[in-house]
Amino acid sequence: MAAEGDILSAEVETAPGRQSQAAAVLTRLGVKVLHVGTTISVSAPRDVWERVFGLPQAEVPGELSGLVVAVHLAEPPDFHAL
């Protein structure tokens, strides 16, 4: 199992009305779908991201073309001691 730092989260922006189809493909590709709404909240270990989307710049793979418009990787929080 990947360490917490190796899990990447993102919001996936889909073509209008294609959320369910995109979520099904993402799941099949090994990406964990957390929530489906106007965007799809997802997470996956770094190695899955590298295989599916490529890193450091996430690109929409062919299986998701026409379904996914953009992938917005979440930035990890920046914690500061008080």
PDB file of N, CA and C in Angstrom:
ATOM      1  N   MET A   1       0.842  -1.187   0.000  1.00  0.00           N
ATOM      2  CA  MET A   1       0.000   0.000   0.000  1.00  0.00           C
ATOM      3  C   MET A   1       0.877   1.236   0.000  1.00  0.00           C
ATOM      4  N   ALA A   2       0.480   2.263  -0.740  1.00  0.00           N
ATOM      5  CA  ALA A   2       1.269   3.481  -0.855  1.00  0.00           C
ATOM      6  C   ALA A   2       1.167   4.310   0.410  1.00  0.00           C
ATOM      7  N   ALA A   3       2.247   5.002   0.714  1.00  0.00           N
ATOM      8  CA  ALA A   3       2.227   5.929   1.834  1.00  0.00           C
ATOM      9  C   ALA A   3       1.303   7.081   1.491  1.00  0.00           C
ATOM     10  N   GLU A   4       0.798   7.770   2.525  1.00  0.00           N
ATOM     11  CA  GLU A   4      -0.163   8.849   2.287  1.00  0.00           C
ATOM     12  C   GLU A   4       0.391   9.899   1.332  1.00  0.00           C
ATOM     13  N   GLY A   5       1.692  10.193   1.404  1.00  0.00           N
ATOM     14  CA  GLY A   5       2.298  11.170   0.521  1.00  0.00           C
ATOM     15  C   GLY A   5       2.316  10.725  -0.928  1.00  0.00           C
ATOM     16  N   ASP A   6       2.117   9.435  -1.184  1.00  0.00           N
ATOM     17  CA  ASP A   6       2.129   8.909  -2.546  1.00  0.00           C
ATOM     18  C   ASP A   6       0.748   8.877  -3.176  1.00  0.00           C
ATOM     19  N   ILE A   7      -0.262   9.327  -2.455  1.00  0.00           N
ATOM     20  CA  ILE A   7      -1.627   9.369  -2.981  1.00  0.00           C
ATOM     21  C   ILE A   7      -1.887  10.773  -3.519  1.00  0.00           C
ATOM     22  N   LEU A   8      -2.269  10.862  -4.781  1.00  0.00           N
ATOM     23  CA  LEU A   8      -2.568  12.154  -5.392  1.00  0.00           C
ATOM     24  C   LEU A   8      -4.069  12.280  -5.596  1.00  0.00           C
ATOM     25  N   SER A   9      -4.572  13.483  -5.360  1.00  0.00           N
ATOM     26  CA  SER A   9      -6.000  13.765  -5.533  1.00  0.00           C
ATOM     27  C   SER A   9      -6.185  14.773  -6.652  1.00  0.00           C
ATOM     28  N   ALA A  10      -7.365  14.732  -7.258  1.00  0.00           N
ATOM     29  CA  ALA A  10      -7.649  15.658  -8.353  1.00  0.00           C
ATOM     30  C   ALA A  10      -9.152  15.840  -8.524  1.00  0.00           C
ATOM     31  N   GLU A  11      -9.484  16.893  -9.241  1.00  0.00           N
ATOM     32  CA  GLU A  11     -10.838  17.121  -9.717  1.00  0.00           C
ATOM     33  C   GLU A  11     -10.795  16.912 -11.225  1.00  0.00           C
ATOM     34  N   VAL A  12     -11.680  16.076 -11.716  1.00  0.00           N
ATOM     35  CA  VAL A  12     -11.737  15.781 -13.148  1.00  0.00           C
ATOM     36  C   VAL A  12     -12.944  16.518 -13.729  1.00  0.00           C
ATOM     37  N   GLU A  13     -12.676  17.380 -14.686  1.00  0.00           N
ATOM     38  CA  GLU A  13     -13.720  18.148 -15.357  1.00  0.00           C
ATOM     39  C   GLU A  13     -14.156  17.370 -16.595  1.00  0.00           C
ATOM     40  N   THR A  14     -15.448  17.076 -16.683  1.00  0.00           N
ATOM     41  CA  THR A  14     -15.946  16.258 -17.784  1.00  0.00           C
ATOM     42  C   THR A  14     -16.714  17.091 -18.807  1.00  0.00           C
ATOM     43  N   ALA A  15     -16.913  16.496 -19.974  1.00  0.00           N
ATOM     44  CA  ALA A  15     -17.809  17.084 -20.962  1.00  0.00           C
ATOM     45  C   ALA A  15     -19.224  17.045 -20.371  1.00  0.00           C
ATOM     46  N   PRO A  16     -20.072  17.996 -20.708  1.00  0.00           N
ATOM     47  CA  PRO A  16     -21.421  18.034 -20.140  1.00  0.00           C
ATOM     48  C   PRO A  16     -22.152  16.693 -20.273  1.00  0.00           C
ATOM     49  N   GLY A  17     -22.702  16.228 -19.149  1.00  0.00           N
ATOM     50  CA  GLY A  17     -23.493  15.006 -19.135  1.00  0.00           C
ATOM     51  C   GLY A  17     -22.695  13.709 -19.234  1.00  0.00           C
ATOM     52  N   ARG A  18     -21.379  13.763 -19.170  1.00  0.00           N
ATOM     53  CA  ARG A  18     -20.553  12.566 -19.338  1.00  0.00           C
ATOM     54  C   ARG A  18     -19.921  12.085 -18.034  1.00  0.00           C
ATOM     55  N   GLN A  19     -20.380  12.597 -16.893  1.00  0.00           N
ATOM     56  CA  GLN A  19     -19.787  12.255 -15.600  1.00  0.00           C
ATOM     57  C   GLN A  19     -19.833  10.761 -15.309  1.00  0.00           C
ATOM     58  N   SER A  20     -20.962  10.124 -15.501  1.00  0.00           N
ATOM     59  CA  SER A  20     -21.098   8.696 -15.191  1.00  0.00           C
ATOM     60  C   SER A  20     -20.188   7.840 -16.061  1.00  0.00           C
ATOM     61  N   GLN A  21     -20.135   8.152 -17.343  1.00  0.00           N
ATOM     62  CA  GLN A  21     -19.266   7.388 -18.248  1.00  0.00           C
ATOM     63  C   GLN A  21     -17.799   7.586 -17.873  1.00  0.00           C
ATOM     64  N   ALA A  22     -17.411   8.831 -17.591  1.00  0.00           N
ATOM     65  CA  ALA A  22     -16.023   9.114 -17.221  1.00  0.00           C
ATOM     66  C   ALA A  22     -15.663   8.414 -15.914  1.00  0.00           C
ATOM     67  N   ALA A  23     -16.570   8.428 -14.939  1.00  0.00           N
ATOM     68  CA  ALA A  23     -16.313   7.768 -13.654  1.00  0.00           C
ATOM     69  C   ALA A  23     -16.102   6.273 -13.852  1.00  0.00           C
ATOM     70  N   ALA A  24     -16.869   5.655 -14.727  1.00  0.00           N
ATOM     71  CA  ALA A  24     -16.718   4.221 -14.988  1.00  0.00           C
ATOM     72  C   ALA A  24     -15.353   3.913 -15.601  1.00  0.00           C
ATOM     73  N   VAL A  25     -14.914   4.733 -16.545  1.00  0.00           N
ATOM     74  CA  VAL A  25     -13.607   4.520 -17.177  1.00  0.00           C
ATOM     75  C   VAL A  25     -12.490   4.762 -16.165  1.00  0.00           C
ATOM     76  N   LEU A  26     -12.602   5.823 -15.376  1.00  0.00           N
ATOM     77  CA  LEU A  26     -11.588   6.105 -14.354  1.00  0.00           C
ATOM     78  C   LEU A  26     -11.448   4.930 -13.393  1.00  0.00           C
ATOM     79  N   THR A  27     -12.564   4.382 -12.958  1.00  0.00           N
ATOM     80  CA  THR A  27     -12.541   3.236 -12.050  1.00  0.00           C
ATOM     81  C   THR A  27     -11.864   2.045 -12.707  1.00  0.00           C
ATOM     82  N   ARG A  28     -12.202   1.774 -13.949  1.00  0.00           N
ATOM     83  CA  ARG A  28     -11.587   0.654 -14.679  1.00  0.00           C
ATOM     84  C   ARG A  28     -10.076   0.837 -14.819  1.00  0.00           C
ATOM     85  N   LEU A  29      -9.622   2.094 -14.916  1.00  0.00           N
ATOM     86  CA  LEU A  29      -8.200   2.380 -15.054  1.00  0.00           C
ATOM     87  C   LEU A  29      -7.447   2.337 -13.721  1.00  0.00           C
ATOM     88  N   GLY A  30      -8.182   2.142 -12.616  1.00  0.00           N
ATOM     89  CA  GLY A  30      -7.539   2.017 -11.307  1.00  0.00           C
ATOM     90  C   GLY A  30      -7.560   3.268 -10.466  1.00  0.00           C
ATOM     91  N   VAL A  31      -8.301   4.289 -10.908  1.00  0.00           N
ATOM     92  CA  VAL A  31      -8.425   5.540 -10.170  1.00  0.00           C
ATOM     93  C   VAL A  31      -9.643   5.425  -9.251  1.00  0.00           C
ATOM     94  N   LYS A  32      -9.480   5.795  -7.989  1.00  0.00           N
ATOM     95  CA  LYS A  32     -10.585   5.720  -7.028  1.00  0.00           C
ATOM     96  C   LYS A  32     -11.478   6.950  -7.183  1.00  0.00           C
ATOM     97  N   VAL A  33     -12.742   6.730  -7.495  1.00  0.00           N
ATOM     98  CA  VAL A  33     -13.721   7.814  -7.629  1.00  0.00           C
ATOM     99  C   VAL A  33     -14.314   8.066  -6.250  1.00  0.00           C
ATOM    100  N   LEU A  34     -14.137   9.306  -5.762  1.00  0.00           N
ATOM    101  CA  LEU A  34     -14.612   9.670  -4.424  1.00  0.00           C
ATOM    102  C   LEU A  34     -15.990  10.310  -4.454  1.00  0.00           C
ATOM    103  N   HIS A  35     -16.261  11.098  -5.504  1.00  0.00           N
ATOM    104  CA  HIS A  35     -17.549  11.798  -5.603  1.00  0.00           C
ATOM    105  C   HIS A  35     -17.783  12.188  -7.054  1.00  0.00           C
ATOM    106  N   VAL A  36     -19.021  12.020  -7.476  1.00  0.00           N
ATOM    107  CA  VAL A  36     -19.412  12.447  -8.823  1.00  0.00           C
ATOM    108  C   VAL A  36     -20.438  13.562  -8.675  1.00  0.00           C
ATOM    109  N   GLY A  37     -20.120  14.710  -9.234  1.00  0.00           N
ATOM    110  CA  GLY A  37     -21.015  15.872  -9.242  1.00  0.00           C
ATOM    111  C   GLY A  37     -20.779  16.602 -10.553  1.00  0.00           C
ATOM    112  N   THR A  38     -20.686  17.929 -10.495  1.00  0.00           N
ATOM    113  CA  THR A  38     -20.355  18.661 -11.716  1.00  0.00           C
ATOM    114  C   THR A  38     -18.925  18.359 -12.150  1.00  0.00           C
ATOM    115  N   THR A  39     -18.066  18.008 -11.187  1.00  0.00           N
ATOM    116  CA  THR A  39     -16.744  17.453 -11.472  1.00  0.00           C
ATOM    117  C   THR A  39     -16.671  16.111 -10.755  1.00  0.00           C
ATOM    118  N   ILE A  40     -15.620  15.359 -11.027  1.00  0.00           N
ATOM    119  CA  ILE A  40     -15.425  14.068 -10.357  1.00  0.00           C
ATOM    120  C   ILE A  40     -14.198  14.184  -9.468  1.00  0.00           C
ATOM    121  N   SER A  41     -14.371  13.936  -8.175  1.00  0.00           N
ATOM    122  CA  SER A  41     -13.254  13.934  -7.232  1.00  0.00           C
ATOM    123  C   SER A  41     -12.648  12.541  -7.242  1.00  0.00           C
ATOM    124  N   VAL A  42     -11.330  12.478  -7.430  1.00  0.00           N
ATOM    125  CA  VAL A  42     -10.642  11.195  -7.546  1.00  0.00           C
ATOM    126  C   VAL A  42      -9.349  11.203  -6.735  1.00  0.00           C
ATOM    127  N   SER A  43      -8.842  10.001  -6.466  1.00  0.00           N
ATOM    128  CA  SER A  43      -7.515   9.854  -5.882  1.00  0.00           C
ATOM    129  C   SER A  43      -6.930   8.539  -6.380  1.00  0.00           C
ATOM    130  N   ALA A  44      -5.602   8.490  -6.374  1.00  0.00           N
ATOM    131  CA  ALA A  44      -4.914   7.280  -6.812  1.00  0.00           C
ATOM    132  C   ALA A  44      -3.457   7.360  -6.377  1.00  0.00           C
ATOM    133  N   PRO A  45      -2.823   6.214  -6.195  1.00  0.00           N
ATOM    134  CA  PRO A  45      -1.394   6.211  -5.911  1.00  0.00           C
ATOM    135  C   PRO A  45      -0.614   6.828  -7.079  1.00  0.00           C
ATOM    136  N   ARG A  46       0.532   7.389  -6.766  1.00  0.00           N
ATOM    137  CA  ARG A  46       1.373   8.050  -7.773  1.00  0.00           C
ATOM    138  C   ARG A  46       1.640   7.149  -8.982  1.00  0.00           C
ATOM    139  N   ASP A  47       1.893   5.848  -8.753  1.00  0.00           N
ATOM    140  CA  ASP A  47       2.203   4.966  -9.887  1.00  0.00           C
ATOM    141  C   ASP A  47       1.006   4.812 -10.831  1.00  0.00           C
ATOM    142  N   VAL A  48      -0.206   4.848 -10.300  1.00  0.00           N
ATOM    143  CA  VAL A  48      -1.404   4.793 -11.162  1.00  0.00           C
ATOM    144  C   VAL A  48      -1.501   6.077 -11.978  1.00  0.00           C
ATOM    145  N   TRP A  49      -1.262   7.235 -11.355  1.00  0.00           N
ATOM    146  CA  TRP A  49      -1.283   8.512 -12.084  1.00  0.00           C
ATOM    147  C   TRP A  49      -0.268   8.505 -13.209  1.00  0.00           C
ATOM    148  N   GLU A  50       0.932   8.019 -12.910  1.00  0.00           N
ATOM    149  CA  GLU A  50       1.975   7.992 -13.933  1.00  0.00           C
ATOM    150  C   GLU A  50       1.576   7.102 -15.104  1.00  0.00           C
ATOM    151  N   ARG A  51       0.960   5.969 -14.805  1.00  0.00           N
ATOM    152  CA  ARG A  51       0.540   5.035 -15.855  1.00  0.00           C
ATOM    153  C   ARG A  51      -0.638   5.583 -16.670  1.00  0.00           C
ATOM    154  N   VAL A  52      -1.629   6.165 -16.001  1.00  0.00           N
ATOM    155  CA  VAL A  52      -2.856   6.600 -16.667  1.00  0.00           C
ATOM    156  C   VAL A  52      -2.716   7.990 -17.303  1.00  0.00           C
ATOM    157  N   PHE A  53      -2.215   8.954 -16.536  1.00  0.00           N
ATOM    158  CA  PHE A  53      -2.211  10.343 -16.981  1.00  0.00           C
ATOM    159  C   PHE A  53      -0.832  10.893 -17.328  1.00  0.00           C
ATOM    160  N   GLY A  54       0.207  10.259 -16.830  1.00  0.00           N
ATOM    161  CA  GLY A  54       1.534  10.836 -16.992  1.00  0.00           C
ATOM    162  C   GLY A  54       1.746  11.942 -15.974  1.00  0.00           C
ATOM    163  N   LEU A  55       2.950  12.086 -15.543  1.00  0.00           N
ATOM    164  CA  LEU A  55       3.314  13.147 -14.604  1.00  0.00           C
ATOM    165  C   LEU A  55       4.639  13.719 -15.058  1.00  0.00           C
ATOM    166  N   PRO A  56       4.982  14.934 -14.778  1.00  0.00           N
ATOM    167  CA  PRO A  56       4.323  15.843 -13.835  1.00  0.00           C
ATOM    168  C   PRO A  56       3.096  16.544 -14.424  1.00  0.00           C
ATOM    169  N   GLN A  57       2.983  16.636 -15.734  1.00  0.00           N
ATOM    170  CA  GLN A  57       1.837  17.289 -16.358  1.00  0.00           C
ATOM    171  C   GLN A  57       0.794  16.228 -16.700  1.00  0.00           C
ATOM    172  N   ALA A  58      -0.354  16.280 -16.021  1.00  0.00           N
ATOM    173  CA  ALA A  58      -1.416  15.306 -16.282  1.00  0.00           C
ATOM    174  C   ALA A  58      -2.039  15.581 -17.644  1.00  0.00           C
ATOM    175  N   GLU A  59      -2.124  14.543 -18.472  1.00  0.00           N
ATOM    176  CA  GLU A  59      -2.744  14.642 -19.787  1.00  0.00           C
ATOM    177  C   GLU A  59      -3.875  13.615 -19.879  1.00  0.00           C
ATOM    178  N   VAL A  60      -4.915  13.972 -20.585  1.00  0.00           N
ATOM    179  CA  VAL A  60      -6.073  13.086 -20.735  1.00  0.00           C
ATOM    180  C   VAL A  60      -5.714  11.967 -21.719  1.00  0.00           C
ATOM    181  N   PRO A  61      -5.783  10.696 -21.245  1.00  0.00           N
ATOM    182  CA  PRO A  61      -5.462   9.587 -22.147  1.00  0.00           C
ATOM    183  C   PRO A  61      -6.594   9.334 -23.154  1.00  0.00           C
ATOM    184  N   GLY A  62      -6.263   8.607 -24.211  1.00  0.00           N
ATOM    185  CA  GLY A  62      -7.212   8.328 -25.284  1.00  0.00           C
ATOM    186  C   GLY A  62      -8.522   7.735 -24.826  1.00  0.00           C
ATOM    187  N   GLU A  63      -8.482   6.843 -23.832  1.00  0.00           N
ATOM    188  CA  GLU A  63      -9.716   6.202 -23.352  1.00  0.00           C
ATOM    189  C   GLU A  63     -10.709   7.201 -22.776  1.00  0.00           C
ATOM    190  N   LEU A  64     -10.194   8.362 -22.348  1.00  0.00           N
ATOM    191  CA  LEU A  64     -11.057   9.370 -21.740  1.00  0.00           C
ATOM    192  C   LEU A  64     -11.329  10.558 -22.661  1.00  0.00           C
ATOM    193  N   SER A  65     -10.763  10.538 -23.875  1.00  0.00           N
ATOM    194  CA  SER A  65     -10.998  11.670 -24.785  1.00  0.00           C
ATOM    195  C   SER A  65     -12.482  11.700 -25.146  1.00  0.00           C
ATOM    196  N   GLY A  66     -13.011  12.892 -25.185  1.00  0.00           N
ATOM    197  CA  GLY A  66     -14.440  13.059 -25.430  1.00  0.00           C
ATOM    198  C   GLY A  66     -15.265  12.997 -24.154  1.00  0.00           C
ATOM    199  N   LEU A  67     -14.677  12.457 -23.086  1.00  0.00           N
ATOM    200  CA  LEU A  67     -15.357  12.392 -21.796  1.00  0.00           C
ATOM    201  C   LEU A  67     -14.800  13.421 -20.819  1.00  0.00           C
ATOM    202  N   VAL A  68     -13.473  13.569 -20.812  1.00  0.00           N
ATOM    203  CA  VAL A  68     -12.800  14.433 -19.851  1.00  0.00           C
ATOM    204  C   VAL A  68     -12.222  15.644 -20.569  1.00  0.00           C
ATOM    205  N   VAL A  69     -12.503  16.818 -20.016  1.00  0.00           N
ATOM    206  CA  VAL A  69     -12.013  18.076 -20.568  1.00  0.00           C
ATOM    207  C   VAL A  69     -10.679  18.455 -19.938  1.00  0.00           C
ATOM    208  N   ALA A  70     -10.548  18.263 -18.602  1.00  0.00           N
ATOM    209  CA  ALA A  70      -9.334  18.655 -17.898  1.00  0.00           C
ATOM    210  C   ALA A  70      -9.207  17.884 -16.592  1.00  0.00           C
ATOM    211  N   VAL A  71      -7.966  17.791 -16.121  1.00  0.00           N
ATOM    212  CA  VAL A  71      -7.664  17.174 -14.829  1.00  0.00           C
ATOM    213  C   VAL A  71      -6.908  18.209 -14.010  1.00  0.00           C
ATOM    214  N   HIS A  72      -7.439  18.523 -12.831  1.00  0.00           N
ATOM    215  CA  HIS A  72      -6.844  19.529 -11.959  1.00  0.00           C
ATOM    216  C   HIS A  72      -6.307  18.833 -10.710  1.00  0.00           C
ATOM    217  N   LEU A  73      -4.986  18.615 -10.676  1.00  0.00           N
ATOM    218  CA  LEU A  73      -4.370  17.971  -9.516  1.00  0.00           C
ATOM    219  C   LEU A  73      -4.467  18.887  -8.315  1.00  0.00           C
ATOM    220  N   ALA A  74      -4.804  18.307  -7.156  1.00  0.00           N
ATOM    221  CA  ALA A  74      -4.896  19.070  -5.915  1.00  0.00           C
ATOM    222  C   ALA A  74      -3.498  19.306  -5.361  1.00  0.00           C
ATOM    223  N   GLU A  75      -3.266  20.500  -4.902  1.00  0.00           N
ATOM    224  CA  GLU A  75      -1.995  20.820  -4.252  1.00  0.00           C
ATOM    225  C   GLU A  75      -2.074  20.376  -2.799  1.00  0.00           C
ATOM    226  N   PRO A  76      -1.007  19.764  -2.288  1.00  0.00           N
ATOM    227  CA  PRO A  76      -1.041  19.383  -0.874  1.00  0.00           C
ATOM    228  C   PRO A  76      -1.090  20.631   0.000  1.00  0.00           C
ATOM    229  N   PRO A  77      -1.742  20.553   1.164  1.00  0.00           N
ATOM    230  CA  PRO A  77      -1.827  21.717   2.045  1.00  0.00           C
ATOM    231  C   PRO A  77      -0.433  22.114   2.545  1.00  0.00           C
ATOM    232  N   ASP A  78      -0.267  23.396   2.799  1.00  0.00           N
ATOM    233  CA  ASP A  78       0.993  23.928   3.306  1.00  0.00           C
ATOM    234  C   ASP A  78       0.773  24.265   4.787  1.00  0.00           C
ATOM    235  N   PHE A  79       1.222  23.375   5.677  1.00  0.00           N
ATOM    236  CA  PHE A  79       1.018  23.562   7.101  1.00  0.00           C
ATOM    237  C   PHE A  79       2.163  24.366   7.706  1.00  0.00           C
ATOM    238  N   HIS A  80       1.826  25.269   8.616  1.00  0.00           N
ATOM    239  CA  HIS A  80       2.820  26.079   9.320  1.00  0.00           C
ATOM    240  C   HIS A  80       2.573  25.956  10.807  1.00  0.00           C
ATOM    241  N   ALA A  81       3.640  25.833  11.571  1.00  0.00           N
ATOM    242  CA  ALA A  81       3.511  25.784  13.026  1.00  0.00           C
ATOM    243  C   ALA A  81       3.190  27.186  13.539  1.00  0.00           C
ATOM    244  N   LEU A  82       2.349  27.233  14.556  1.00  0.00           N
ATOM    245  CA  LEU A  82       1.997  28.533  15.150  1.00  0.00           C
ATOM    246  C   LEU A  82       2.907  28.869  16.279  1.00  0.00           C
TER     247      LEU A  82
END
